[in-house]
N, C-alpha and C. Protein backbone atom coordinates (compact mmCIF):
# COMPACT_ATOMS: atom_id res chain seq x y z
N MET A 1 -16.14 7.99 16.32
CA MET A 1 -15.91 8.04 14.76
C MET A 1 -16.25 6.73 14.41
N ASP A 2 -16.56 6.72 13.07
CA ASP A 2 -16.66 5.40 12.38
C ASP A 2 -15.19 4.99 12.05
N CYS A 3 -15.01 3.72 11.51
CA CYS A 3 -13.68 3.27 11.08
C CYS A 3 -13.22 4.05 9.89
N LEU A 4 -12.13 4.61 9.94
CA LEU A 4 -11.45 5.24 8.72
C LEU A 4 -10.45 4.44 8.02
N ASN A 5 -10.60 4.21 6.74
CA ASN A 5 -9.80 3.38 5.94
C ASN A 5 -8.93 4.39 4.95
N ILE A 6 -7.62 3.97 5.14
CA ILE A 6 -6.57 4.89 4.47
C ILE A 6 -5.95 4.05 3.55
N PHE A 7 -6.09 4.24 2.30
CA PHE A 7 -5.31 3.36 1.16
C PHE A 7 -4.15 4.02 1.14
N LEU A 8 -2.93 3.27 1.12
CA LEU A 8 -1.39 3.59 0.89
C LEU A 8 -1.13 2.99 -0.42
N LEU A 9 -0.91 3.79 -1.57
CA LEU A 9 -0.77 3.39 -2.75
C LEU A 9 0.76 3.88 -3.25
N GLY A 10 1.24 3.14 -4.29
CA GLY A 10 2.49 3.56 -4.77
C GLY A 10 3.41 2.15 -5.18
N ARG A 11 4.33 2.53 -5.92
CA ARG A 11 5.29 1.38 -6.40
C ARG A 11 5.91 0.60 -5.04
N PRO A 12 6.23 -0.72 -5.17
CA PRO A 12 7.01 -1.31 -4.25
C PRO A 12 8.42 -0.44 -3.91
N GLY A 13 8.72 -0.24 -2.67
CA GLY A 13 9.97 0.64 -2.42
C GLY A 13 9.74 2.13 -2.40
N CYS A 14 8.41 2.57 -2.50
CA CYS A 14 8.17 3.98 -2.78
C CYS A 14 8.03 4.68 -1.24
N GLY A 15 8.01 3.92 -0.16
CA GLY A 15 8.07 4.56 1.12
C GLY A 15 6.63 4.58 1.84
N LYS A 16 5.68 3.56 1.64
CA LYS A 16 4.54 3.46 2.32
C LYS A 16 4.73 3.21 3.74
N SER A 17 5.74 2.39 4.07
CA SER A 17 5.98 2.09 5.49
C SER A 17 6.32 3.24 6.41
N GLU A 18 7.03 4.07 5.70
CA GLU A 18 7.34 5.33 6.52
C GLU A 18 6.17 6.29 6.70
N ILE A 19 5.48 6.38 5.71
CA ILE A 19 4.23 7.19 5.95
C ILE A 19 3.35 6.53 6.95
N TYR A 20 3.24 5.30 6.93
CA TYR A 20 2.37 4.59 8.04
C TYR A 20 2.95 5.00 9.35
N ARG A 21 4.20 4.78 9.52
CA ARG A 21 4.89 4.96 10.79
C ARG A 21 4.47 6.51 11.38
N ARG A 22 4.94 7.38 10.42
CA ARG A 22 4.70 8.64 10.89
C ARG A 22 3.37 9.11 11.19
N ILE A 23 2.30 8.61 10.43
CA ILE A 23 0.93 8.98 10.58
C ILE A 23 0.44 8.40 11.86
N THR A 24 0.64 7.19 12.09
CA THR A 24 0.14 6.32 13.40
C THR A 24 0.78 6.99 14.62
N ALA A 25 2.06 7.39 14.33
CA ALA A 25 2.86 8.01 15.49
C ALA A 25 2.30 9.42 16.11
N LYS A 26 1.87 10.02 15.04
CA LYS A 26 1.32 11.48 15.42
C LYS A 26 -0.10 11.39 15.82
N LEU A 27 -0.96 10.47 15.08
CA LEU A 27 -2.25 10.35 15.68
C LEU A 27 -2.29 9.69 17.21
N SER A 28 -1.42 8.96 17.51
CA SER A 28 -1.25 8.38 18.94
C SER A 28 -0.76 9.43 19.81
N GLN A 29 0.34 10.31 19.39
CA GLN A 29 0.84 11.22 20.37
C GLN A 29 -0.21 12.21 20.63
N GLU A 30 -1.00 12.70 19.57
CA GLU A 30 -2.10 13.69 19.92
C GLU A 30 -3.38 13.05 20.43
N LYS A 31 -3.33 11.89 20.61
CA LYS A 31 -4.63 11.08 21.34
C LYS A 31 -5.74 11.07 20.44
N ILE A 32 -5.57 11.12 19.10
CA ILE A 32 -6.82 11.20 18.13
C ILE A 32 -7.13 9.73 17.98
N CYS A 33 -6.10 8.78 18.00
CA CYS A 33 -6.70 7.46 17.77
C CYS A 33 -5.32 6.49 18.12
N ASN A 34 -5.79 5.42 18.76
CA ASN A 34 -4.71 4.47 19.13
C ASN A 34 -4.95 3.01 18.47
N ASP A 35 -5.93 2.97 17.87
CA ASP A 35 -6.20 1.46 17.21
C ASP A 35 -5.94 1.67 15.88
N PHE A 36 -4.96 1.01 15.42
CA PHE A 36 -4.40 0.94 13.84
C PHE A 36 -4.15 -0.42 13.54
N LEU A 37 -4.56 -0.69 12.24
CA LEU A 37 -4.27 -2.01 11.65
C LEU A 37 -3.84 -1.69 10.33
N ARG A 38 -2.97 -2.74 9.86
CA ARG A 38 -2.28 -2.58 8.59
C ARG A 38 -2.52 -3.71 7.76
N VAL A 39 -3.05 -3.51 6.61
CA VAL A 39 -3.40 -4.74 5.73
C VAL A 39 -2.60 -4.53 4.39
N ASP A 40 -1.87 -5.42 4.03
CA ASP A 40 -0.93 -5.33 2.92
C ASP A 40 -1.31 -6.65 2.06
N ASP A 41 -1.51 -6.27 0.65
CA ASP A 41 -1.80 -7.36 -0.23
C ASP A 41 -0.59 -8.32 -0.55
N PHE A 42 0.58 -8.04 -0.30
CA PHE A 42 1.67 -8.81 -0.53
C PHE A 42 1.74 -10.18 -0.15
N PRO A 43 1.51 -10.47 1.20
CA PRO A 43 1.42 -11.67 1.74
C PRO A 43 0.63 -12.68 1.04
N LYS A 44 -0.51 -12.24 0.42
CA LYS A 44 -1.39 -13.13 -0.39
C LYS A 44 -0.54 -13.55 -1.66
N LEU A 45 -0.08 -12.57 -2.35
CA LEU A 45 0.67 -12.66 -3.43
C LEU A 45 1.86 -13.73 -3.32
N TRP A 46 2.56 -13.36 -2.19
CA TRP A 46 3.73 -14.39 -1.70
C TRP A 46 3.23 -15.75 -1.68
N ASN A 47 2.06 -16.07 -0.97
CA ASN A 47 1.46 -17.32 -0.78
C ASN A 47 1.38 -17.87 -2.13
N ILE A 48 0.89 -17.33 -3.17
CA ILE A 48 0.68 -17.83 -4.46
C ILE A 48 2.17 -18.22 -5.02
N PHE A 49 3.14 -17.28 -4.94
CA PHE A 49 4.49 -17.73 -5.33
C PHE A 49 4.87 -18.93 -4.72
N GLN A 50 4.71 -19.06 -3.31
CA GLN A 50 5.37 -20.19 -2.66
C GLN A 50 4.60 -21.35 -3.16
N GLU A 51 3.31 -21.50 -3.37
CA GLU A 51 2.55 -22.60 -3.72
C GLU A 51 3.02 -23.04 -5.07
N ASP A 52 3.25 -22.30 -6.05
CA ASP A 52 3.53 -22.47 -7.35
C ASP A 52 5.06 -23.19 -7.27
N GLU A 53 5.92 -22.69 -6.37
CA GLU A 53 7.32 -23.19 -6.24
C GLU A 53 7.14 -24.44 -5.45
N LYS A 54 6.32 -24.79 -4.62
CA LYS A 54 6.22 -25.99 -3.87
C LYS A 54 5.66 -27.15 -4.63
N THR A 55 4.70 -26.83 -5.60
CA THR A 55 4.16 -28.02 -6.37
C THR A 55 4.93 -28.04 -7.76
N GLY A 56 5.71 -26.86 -8.17
CA GLY A 56 6.60 -26.99 -9.37
C GLY A 56 5.98 -26.99 -10.67
N LYS A 57 4.65 -26.68 -10.52
CA LYS A 57 3.68 -26.58 -11.64
C LYS A 57 3.76 -25.19 -12.42
N TRP A 58 4.03 -24.13 -11.52
CA TRP A 58 4.16 -22.75 -12.04
C TRP A 58 2.99 -22.35 -12.81
N LYS A 59 1.81 -22.33 -12.20
CA LYS A 59 0.54 -22.12 -12.95
C LYS A 59 0.38 -20.42 -13.07
N ARG A 60 0.73 -19.93 -12.17
CA ARG A 60 0.34 -18.44 -11.90
C ARG A 60 1.52 -17.38 -11.94
N CYS A 61 2.74 -18.16 -11.84
CA CYS A 61 4.01 -17.27 -11.84
C CYS A 61 5.08 -17.93 -12.24
N ARG A 62 6.35 -17.46 -12.44
CA ARG A 62 7.36 -18.15 -12.62
C ARG A 62 8.76 -17.35 -11.85
N LYS A 63 9.80 -18.14 -11.68
CA LYS A 63 10.92 -17.68 -11.06
C LYS A 63 11.73 -16.92 -12.15
N THR A 64 12.46 -15.77 -11.64
CA THR A 64 13.34 -15.03 -12.59
C THR A 64 14.77 -15.06 -12.05
N PRO A 65 15.58 -14.77 -13.04
CA PRO A 65 16.99 -15.02 -12.80
C PRO A 65 17.62 -14.36 -11.51
N ASP A 66 17.06 -13.16 -11.13
CA ASP A 66 17.54 -12.24 -9.98
C ASP A 66 16.95 -12.91 -8.73
N GLY A 67 16.24 -14.05 -8.75
CA GLY A 67 15.67 -14.56 -7.53
C GLY A 67 14.23 -14.11 -7.01
N GLY A 68 13.74 -13.41 -7.94
CA GLY A 68 12.37 -12.86 -7.70
C GLY A 68 11.25 -13.79 -8.47
N TYR A 69 10.07 -13.25 -8.62
CA TYR A 69 8.84 -14.03 -9.32
C TYR A 69 8.37 -13.04 -10.26
N LEU A 70 7.84 -13.63 -11.44
CA LEU A 70 6.95 -12.69 -12.40
C LEU A 70 5.61 -13.42 -12.37
N VAL A 71 4.60 -12.48 -12.20
CA VAL A 71 3.24 -13.04 -12.42
C VAL A 71 3.02 -13.22 -13.80
N THR A 72 2.35 -14.57 -14.18
CA THR A 72 2.06 -14.92 -15.34
C THR A 72 0.57 -15.04 -15.66
N ASP A 73 -0.12 -15.04 -14.52
CA ASP A 73 -1.69 -15.07 -14.57
C ASP A 73 -2.13 -13.64 -14.08
N ASN A 74 -2.56 -12.77 -14.84
CA ASN A 74 -2.88 -11.38 -14.46
C ASN A 74 -4.21 -11.31 -13.62
N SER A 75 -5.02 -12.38 -13.65
CA SER A 75 -6.23 -12.38 -12.84
C SER A 75 -5.73 -12.46 -11.45
N ILE A 76 -4.60 -12.69 -11.04
CA ILE A 76 -4.20 -12.65 -9.68
C ILE A 76 -4.29 -11.34 -8.87
N TRP A 77 -4.21 -10.36 -9.65
CA TRP A 77 -4.01 -8.89 -9.18
C TRP A 77 -5.60 -8.61 -8.58
N ASP A 78 -6.54 -8.73 -9.20
CA ASP A 78 -7.89 -8.35 -8.78
C ASP A 78 -8.39 -9.45 -7.79
N GLU A 79 -7.95 -10.67 -8.00
CA GLU A 79 -8.40 -11.65 -6.99
C GLU A 79 -7.82 -11.40 -5.71
N ILE A 80 -6.55 -10.97 -5.58
CA ILE A 80 -6.14 -10.79 -4.33
C ILE A 80 -6.66 -9.47 -3.58
N LEU A 81 -7.04 -8.36 -4.34
CA LEU A 81 -7.84 -7.29 -3.85
C LEU A 81 -9.05 -7.70 -3.31
N ARG A 82 -9.79 -8.51 -3.91
CA ARG A 82 -11.12 -8.90 -3.49
C ARG A 82 -11.00 -9.53 -2.09
N GLN A 83 -9.95 -10.38 -1.97
CA GLN A 83 -9.71 -11.03 -0.66
C GLN A 83 -9.37 -10.01 0.30
N VAL A 84 -8.51 -8.97 0.06
CA VAL A 84 -8.21 -7.79 0.96
C VAL A 84 -9.33 -7.11 1.17
N ASP A 85 -10.33 -6.88 0.35
CA ASP A 85 -11.63 -6.16 0.67
C ASP A 85 -12.28 -6.84 1.70
N ASN A 86 -12.30 -8.30 1.48
CA ASN A 86 -13.02 -9.16 2.51
C ASN A 86 -12.42 -8.94 3.91
N ASP A 87 -11.11 -9.10 3.94
CA ASP A 87 -10.52 -8.98 5.26
C ASP A 87 -10.82 -7.62 5.86
N VAL A 88 -10.68 -6.50 5.13
CA VAL A 88 -10.90 -5.18 5.65
C VAL A 88 -12.37 -5.06 6.13
N ARG A 89 -13.35 -5.52 5.48
CA ARG A 89 -14.78 -5.38 5.89
C ARG A 89 -14.94 -6.07 7.38
N GLY A 90 -14.28 -7.20 7.60
CA GLY A 90 -14.24 -7.78 8.81
C GLY A 90 -13.58 -7.12 9.99
N LEU A 91 -12.65 -6.19 9.62
CA LEU A 91 -12.00 -5.42 10.53
C LEU A 91 -12.58 -3.96 10.85
N GLN A 92 -13.65 -3.70 10.20
CA GLN A 92 -14.30 -2.27 10.57
C GLN A 92 -14.75 -2.18 11.87
N LYS A 93 -14.46 -1.29 12.53
CA LYS A 93 -14.71 -0.87 14.01
C LYS A 93 -14.59 0.59 14.28
N ASP A 94 -15.60 0.98 15.17
CA ASP A 94 -15.48 2.37 15.59
C ASP A 94 -14.24 2.79 16.22
N GLU A 95 -13.65 4.02 16.02
CA GLU A 95 -12.41 4.41 16.86
C GLU A 95 -11.12 3.71 16.08
N ARG A 96 -11.15 3.04 15.06
CA ARG A 96 -10.06 2.37 14.35
C ARG A 96 -9.72 2.96 13.09
N VAL A 97 -8.48 2.95 12.73
CA VAL A 97 -7.98 3.31 11.41
C VAL A 97 -7.20 2.16 10.69
N VAL A 98 -7.76 1.67 9.71
CA VAL A 98 -7.18 0.64 8.93
C VAL A 98 -6.46 1.25 7.61
N PHE A 99 -5.14 0.84 7.43
CA PHE A 99 -4.31 1.04 6.44
C PHE A 99 -4.25 -0.05 5.41
N ILE A 100 -4.59 0.25 4.26
CA ILE A 100 -4.65 -0.82 3.14
C ILE A 100 -3.52 -0.39 2.13
N GLU A 101 -2.45 -1.27 2.03
CA GLU A 101 -1.58 -1.17 1.15
C GLU A 101 -1.36 -1.93 0.00
N PHE A 102 -1.24 -1.42 -1.20
CA PHE A 102 -0.92 -2.07 -2.46
C PHE A 102 -0.44 -1.36 -3.57
N SER A 103 0.21 -2.03 -4.48
CA SER A 103 0.99 -1.32 -5.67
C SER A 103 0.21 -1.96 -6.97
N ARG A 104 -0.18 -1.07 -7.93
CA ARG A 104 -0.71 -1.61 -9.11
C ARG A 104 -0.46 -0.54 -10.13
N PRO A 105 -0.50 -1.00 -11.50
CA PRO A 105 -0.32 0.06 -12.50
C PRO A 105 -1.59 0.85 -12.84
N ASN A 106 -2.75 0.30 -12.41
CA ASN A 106 -4.19 0.63 -12.78
C ASN A 106 -4.99 0.95 -11.54
N TYR A 107 -4.81 1.84 -10.83
CA TYR A 107 -5.46 2.15 -9.47
C TYR A 107 -6.97 2.33 -9.64
N MET A 108 -7.40 3.05 -10.61
CA MET A 108 -8.69 3.34 -10.81
C MET A 108 -9.58 2.11 -10.96
N GLU A 109 -9.03 1.15 -11.83
CA GLU A 109 -9.50 -0.22 -11.89
C GLU A 109 -9.62 -1.01 -10.72
N SER A 110 -8.34 -1.06 -9.97
CA SER A 110 -8.06 -1.79 -8.92
C SER A 110 -9.03 -1.44 -7.72
N MET A 111 -9.32 -0.13 -7.64
CA MET A 111 -10.14 0.36 -6.59
C MET A 111 -11.64 -0.21 -6.55
N LYS A 112 -12.06 -0.67 -7.93
CA LYS A 112 -13.45 -1.24 -8.16
C LYS A 112 -13.41 -2.68 -7.27
N ASN A 113 -12.39 -3.17 -6.85
CA ASN A 113 -12.37 -4.43 -6.15
C ASN A 113 -12.85 -4.19 -4.67
N PHE A 114 -13.02 -2.92 -4.29
CA PHE A 114 -13.27 -2.73 -2.83
C PHE A 114 -14.87 -2.43 -2.77
N SER A 115 -15.46 -2.87 -1.59
CA SER A 115 -16.86 -2.61 -1.41
C SER A 115 -17.27 -1.29 -0.88
N LYS A 116 -18.52 -1.01 -1.06
CA LYS A 116 -18.93 0.45 -0.61
C LYS A 116 -18.70 0.49 0.84
N LYS A 117 -18.91 -0.28 1.61
CA LYS A 117 -18.50 -0.34 2.99
C LYS A 117 -17.19 0.12 3.36
N VAL A 118 -16.22 -0.19 2.68
CA VAL A 118 -14.85 0.11 2.79
C VAL A 118 -14.55 1.45 2.03
N LEU A 119 -15.13 1.80 1.03
CA LEU A 119 -14.86 3.06 0.37
C LEU A 119 -15.67 4.25 0.83
N ASP A 120 -16.79 3.92 1.52
CA ASP A 120 -17.58 5.23 2.13
C ASP A 120 -16.73 6.08 3.00
N ASN A 121 -15.84 5.58 3.90
CA ASN A 121 -15.22 6.34 4.89
C ASN A 121 -13.67 6.11 4.45
N ALA A 122 -13.10 6.67 3.43
CA ALA A 122 -11.88 6.44 3.05
C ALA A 122 -11.04 7.48 2.49
N ILE A 123 -9.91 7.59 2.52
CA ILE A 123 -8.96 8.52 1.79
C ILE A 123 -7.87 7.52 1.12
N ILE A 124 -7.14 8.23 0.10
CA ILE A 124 -6.00 7.81 -0.57
C ILE A 124 -4.81 8.52 -0.44
N ILE A 125 -3.77 7.93 0.03
CA ILE A 125 -2.50 8.54 0.03
C ILE A 125 -1.51 8.01 -0.96
N TYR A 126 -1.33 8.73 -2.00
CA TYR A 126 -0.25 8.02 -3.20
C TYR A 126 1.14 8.56 -2.90
N SER A 127 2.00 7.69 -2.67
CA SER A 127 3.33 7.82 -2.51
C SER A 127 4.09 7.86 -3.70
N ASP A 128 4.58 9.11 -4.07
CA ASP A 128 5.15 9.57 -5.62
C ASP A 128 6.51 9.38 -5.49
N CYS A 129 7.10 8.11 -6.11
CA CYS A 129 8.43 7.95 -6.29
C CYS A 129 8.84 7.39 -7.52
N SER A 130 10.00 7.73 -8.10
CA SER A 130 10.21 7.35 -9.47
C SER A 130 10.71 5.73 -9.38
N PHE A 131 10.40 5.17 -10.74
CA PHE A 131 10.67 3.71 -10.81
C PHE A 131 12.14 3.52 -10.38
N GLU A 132 13.22 4.05 -10.82
CA GLU A 132 14.46 3.75 -10.46
C GLU A 132 14.78 3.66 -8.89
N THR A 133 14.33 4.84 -8.29
CA THR A 133 14.59 4.97 -7.05
C THR A 133 13.88 3.87 -6.22
N CYS A 134 12.68 3.56 -6.54
CA CYS A 134 11.95 2.28 -6.00
C CYS A 134 12.75 1.08 -6.23
N TRP A 135 13.32 0.90 -7.37
CA TRP A 135 13.98 -0.34 -7.58
C TRP A 135 15.32 -0.36 -6.73
N SER A 136 16.06 0.66 -6.75
CA SER A 136 17.24 0.78 -5.91
C SER A 136 16.97 0.50 -4.34
N ARG A 137 15.88 0.98 -3.93
CA ARG A 137 15.44 0.66 -2.60
C ARG A 137 15.15 -0.80 -2.36
N ASN A 138 14.54 -1.47 -3.27
CA ASN A 138 14.06 -2.74 -3.21
C ASN A 138 15.37 -3.66 -2.96
N VAL A 139 16.23 -3.42 -3.93
CA VAL A 139 17.50 -4.08 -4.01
C VAL A 139 18.49 -3.91 -2.68
N ALA A 140 18.41 -2.72 -2.19
CA ALA A 140 19.08 -2.36 -0.99
C ALA A 140 18.47 -3.08 0.27
N ARG A 141 17.14 -3.01 0.14
CA ARG A 141 16.35 -3.68 1.38
C ARG A 141 16.65 -5.17 1.41
N HIS A 142 16.55 -5.77 0.16
CA HIS A 142 16.71 -7.17 0.06
C HIS A 142 18.14 -7.64 0.59
N LYS A 143 19.19 -6.99 0.07
CA LYS A 143 20.53 -7.21 0.49
C LYS A 143 20.80 -7.07 1.83
N ALA A 144 20.30 -5.96 2.49
CA ALA A 144 20.36 -5.94 3.94
C ALA A 144 19.71 -6.97 4.71
N ALA A 145 18.62 -7.48 4.22
CA ALA A 145 17.70 -8.49 5.01
C ALA A 145 18.65 -9.86 4.91
N VAL A 146 19.04 -10.06 3.68
CA VAL A 146 19.73 -11.25 3.46
C VAL A 146 20.89 -11.38 4.32
N ALA A 147 21.74 -10.30 4.33
CA ALA A 147 22.92 -10.07 5.27
C ALA A 147 22.81 -10.31 6.74
N CYS A 148 21.41 -10.13 7.13
CA CYS A 148 20.96 -10.40 8.47
C CYS A 148 20.50 -11.61 8.67
N GLY A 149 20.40 -12.48 7.64
CA GLY A 149 19.94 -13.88 7.64
C GLY A 149 18.29 -13.99 7.58
N THR A 150 17.76 -12.76 7.24
CA THR A 150 16.40 -13.03 7.02
C THR A 150 15.99 -13.33 5.67
N ASP A 151 14.81 -14.24 5.83
CA ASP A 151 14.38 -14.83 4.37
C ASP A 151 13.38 -13.93 3.89
N ASP A 152 14.03 -12.95 3.12
CA ASP A 152 13.32 -11.70 2.55
C ASP A 152 13.11 -11.96 1.07
N HIS A 153 11.99 -11.47 0.62
CA HIS A 153 11.56 -11.50 -0.90
C HIS A 153 12.14 -10.36 -1.56
N LEU A 154 12.26 -10.50 -2.88
CA LEU A 154 12.76 -9.48 -3.78
C LEU A 154 11.69 -9.47 -4.83
N VAL A 155 11.04 -8.17 -5.15
CA VAL A 155 10.31 -8.03 -6.30
C VAL A 155 11.32 -7.85 -7.61
N SER A 156 11.24 -8.92 -8.51
CA SER A 156 12.25 -9.00 -9.55
C SER A 156 12.21 -7.66 -10.51
N ARG A 157 13.24 -7.38 -11.07
CA ARG A 157 13.43 -6.22 -12.04
C ARG A 157 12.36 -6.54 -13.16
N GLU A 158 12.33 -7.73 -13.60
CA GLU A 158 11.31 -8.07 -14.70
C GLU A 158 9.90 -7.78 -14.31
N GLU A 159 9.41 -8.19 -13.18
CA GLU A 159 8.27 -7.91 -12.54
C GLU A 159 8.00 -6.34 -12.26
N MET A 160 9.00 -5.67 -11.73
CA MET A 160 8.84 -4.38 -11.61
C MET A 160 8.65 -3.49 -13.04
N GLU A 161 9.42 -3.91 -14.07
CA GLU A 161 9.14 -3.19 -15.24
C GLU A 161 7.96 -3.62 -15.88
N LYS A 162 7.48 -4.78 -15.89
CA LYS A 162 6.35 -5.20 -16.34
C LYS A 162 5.05 -4.62 -15.63
N THR A 163 5.04 -4.62 -14.37
CA THR A 163 3.83 -4.13 -13.62
C THR A 163 3.92 -2.76 -13.16
N TYR A 164 5.02 -2.34 -12.76
CA TYR A 164 5.06 -0.99 -12.09
C TYR A 164 5.72 0.11 -12.71
N LEU A 165 6.30 0.04 -14.02
CA LEU A 165 7.02 1.06 -14.67
C LEU A 165 6.05 2.28 -14.79
N HIS A 166 4.90 2.04 -15.20
CA HIS A 166 3.87 3.16 -15.37
C HIS A 166 2.70 2.77 -14.55
N ASP A 167 1.93 4.02 -14.14
CA ASP A 167 0.68 3.85 -13.61
C ASP A 167 -0.23 5.06 -13.96
N ASP A 168 -1.41 4.86 -13.39
CA ASP A 168 -2.57 5.76 -13.78
C ASP A 168 -2.71 7.00 -12.77
N LYS A 169 -1.49 7.44 -12.09
CA LYS A 169 -1.57 8.50 -11.10
C LYS A 169 -2.49 9.70 -11.62
N THR A 170 -2.15 10.17 -12.85
CA THR A 170 -2.99 11.40 -13.48
C THR A 170 -4.59 11.09 -13.26
N GLU A 171 -4.87 10.00 -13.83
CA GLU A 171 -6.28 9.58 -13.87
C GLU A 171 -6.75 9.58 -12.41
N LEU A 172 -6.07 8.86 -11.43
CA LEU A 172 -6.57 8.77 -10.18
C LEU A 172 -6.78 10.17 -9.61
N LEU A 173 -5.95 10.99 -9.81
CA LEU A 173 -6.02 12.41 -9.23
C LEU A 173 -7.32 13.06 -9.78
N LYS A 174 -7.58 12.92 -11.07
CA LYS A 174 -8.67 13.61 -11.66
C LYS A 174 -10.17 12.96 -11.48
N LYS A 175 -9.93 11.67 -11.45
CA LYS A 175 -11.39 10.98 -11.36
C LYS A 175 -11.85 10.16 -10.06
N SER A 176 -10.78 10.15 -9.08
CA SER A 176 -11.24 9.48 -7.94
C SER A 176 -12.46 10.10 -7.17
N LYS A 177 -13.30 9.43 -6.66
CA LYS A 177 -14.36 9.99 -5.87
C LYS A 177 -14.01 10.06 -4.42
N ILE A 178 -12.82 9.43 -4.13
CA ILE A 178 -12.20 9.39 -2.65
C ILE A 178 -11.02 10.59 -2.71
N PRO A 179 -11.04 11.20 -1.66
CA PRO A 179 -9.88 12.31 -1.61
C PRO A 179 -8.62 11.61 -1.90
N VAL A 180 -7.66 12.14 -2.76
CA VAL A 180 -6.40 11.75 -2.79
C VAL A 180 -5.33 12.67 -2.32
N PHE A 181 -4.36 12.24 -1.75
CA PHE A 181 -3.27 13.10 -1.21
C PHE A 181 -2.07 12.54 -1.84
N VAL A 182 -1.11 13.35 -2.37
CA VAL A 182 0.15 12.90 -2.97
C VAL A 182 1.34 13.33 -2.06
N ILE A 183 2.17 12.41 -1.75
CA ILE A 183 3.31 12.70 -0.91
C ILE A 183 4.79 12.38 -1.84
N ASP A 184 5.49 13.32 -2.14
CA ASP A 184 6.81 13.12 -2.85
C ASP A 184 7.76 12.29 -2.07
N THR A 185 8.10 11.05 -2.24
CA THR A 185 8.94 10.38 -1.58
C THR A 185 10.17 9.94 -2.19
N ASP A 186 10.57 10.68 -3.23
CA ASP A 186 11.68 10.28 -4.25
C ASP A 186 13.01 10.86 -3.54
N ALA A 187 12.88 11.94 -2.85
CA ALA A 187 14.14 12.44 -2.33
C ALA A 187 14.75 11.67 -1.20
N PRO A 188 16.08 11.44 -1.00
CA PRO A 188 16.58 10.77 0.17
C PRO A 188 16.27 11.39 1.50
N GLY A 189 16.19 10.60 2.56
CA GLY A 189 15.94 11.19 3.81
C GLY A 189 14.43 11.17 4.10
N THR A 190 13.91 11.63 5.20
CA THR A 190 12.57 11.65 5.48
C THR A 190 12.06 12.99 5.99
N ASP A 191 12.96 13.91 6.40
CA ASP A 191 12.49 15.23 6.92
C ASP A 191 11.55 15.88 6.11
N HIS A 192 11.84 15.91 4.63
CA HIS A 192 11.02 16.63 3.66
C HIS A 192 9.51 16.10 3.76
N LEU A 193 9.29 15.00 4.36
CA LEU A 193 7.95 14.47 4.33
C LEU A 193 7.09 15.17 5.30
N ILE A 194 7.69 15.70 6.29
CA ILE A 194 6.98 16.34 7.55
C ILE A 194 5.92 17.24 7.00
N PRO A 195 6.15 18.23 6.29
CA PRO A 195 5.06 19.26 6.03
C PRO A 195 3.82 18.56 5.27
N LYS A 196 4.08 17.77 4.28
CA LYS A 196 2.91 17.11 3.57
C LYS A 196 2.26 16.12 4.42
N ILE A 197 2.80 15.48 5.30
CA ILE A 197 2.12 14.64 6.43
C ILE A 197 1.30 15.30 7.29
N GLU A 198 1.84 16.54 7.73
CA GLU A 198 1.15 17.35 8.69
C GLU A 198 -0.09 17.97 8.08
N LYS A 199 0.00 18.27 6.65
CA LYS A 199 -1.26 18.80 5.90
C LYS A 199 -2.32 17.57 5.90
N ILE A 200 -1.81 16.32 5.65
CA ILE A 200 -2.72 15.26 5.54
C ILE A 200 -3.34 14.71 6.95
N LEU A 201 -2.52 15.04 7.95
CA LEU A 201 -3.06 14.83 9.29
C LEU A 201 -4.08 15.71 9.67
N GLY A 202 -4.03 16.94 9.10
CA GLY A 202 -5.10 17.97 9.26
C GLY A 202 -6.41 17.52 8.75
N GLU A 203 -6.26 16.80 7.45
CA GLU A 203 -7.47 16.35 6.81
C GLU A 203 -8.04 15.24 7.55
N ILE A 204 -7.17 14.32 7.99
CA ILE A 204 -7.57 13.22 8.80
C ILE A 204 -8.35 13.52 10.03
N LYS A 205 -7.98 14.49 10.79
CA LYS A 205 -8.51 15.09 11.84
C LYS A 205 -9.90 15.57 11.70
N LYS A 206 -10.06 16.34 10.62
CA LYS A 206 -11.25 16.94 10.17
C LYS A 206 -12.38 15.76 10.01
N ILE A 207 -11.80 14.47 9.54
CA ILE A 207 -12.85 13.50 9.45
C ILE A 207 -13.07 12.81 10.62
N ILE A 208 -12.01 12.60 11.61
CA ILE A 208 -12.17 11.98 12.68
C ILE A 208 -12.80 12.76 13.90
N SER A 209 -12.27 14.02 14.11
CA SER A 209 -12.63 14.56 15.21
C SER A 209 -14.18 15.06 15.32
N PRO A 210 -14.85 15.51 14.44
CA PRO A 210 -16.15 15.80 14.53
C PRO A 210 -17.05 14.52 15.00
N LYS A 211 -16.74 13.35 14.32
CA LYS A 211 -17.52 12.15 14.70
C LYS A 211 -17.10 11.83 16.14
N LYS A 212 -15.85 12.12 16.55
CA LYS A 212 -15.46 11.55 17.65
C LYS A 212 -16.00 12.44 18.83
N THR A 213 -16.15 13.69 18.61
CA THR A 213 -16.50 14.63 19.61
C THR A 213 -17.99 14.91 19.58
N GLY A 214 -18.83 14.46 18.50
CA GLY A 214 -20.12 14.52 18.51
C GLY A 214 -20.61 15.73 17.93
N ARG A 215 -19.58 16.69 17.40
CA ARG A 215 -19.96 18.00 16.94
C ARG A 215 -20.52 17.81 15.51
């Protein structure tokens, strides 16, 4: 099979990591694929935050009272995704699945930052979770990490409201040329994810298996 690129989209705290863990575990258990890579755009954004803090010039962001950061230069968002696309193009390899994670308010526009090479063999999984649930999960995750002595980041409430309060999910579902699958991750717990993930796995197998077996 060719490399399959799976976009994991949704607000920070929506459950993308859980979806990644479950899909890779099932694909591995069923011996469909064992070569997985995960590319997240946040480390690139974090580097920008840290550089601004280090220099004290605050050219592209600023600190917020709750300890997070707020982006002030909106060109960052597309710039980072173009860098991610460059990274992903270099990771394309037969028999591999690359997961590409990011959060944006404008997914249709954001996807334009990716090259044909990446988009030609791709699907999108949108993790559908309410804003308030995502915010609560971010705060809980941050507090737990700090309590364990981890240098964890927090997406500030101001940034969450400015950037992630609303998105173009409806437009994405109507206009995307890439197959889009939606998983409701708003409810507590993870067992309710199983049926939807099983359905998505079925679609992934349809993409992978014919190419893998030569049918």
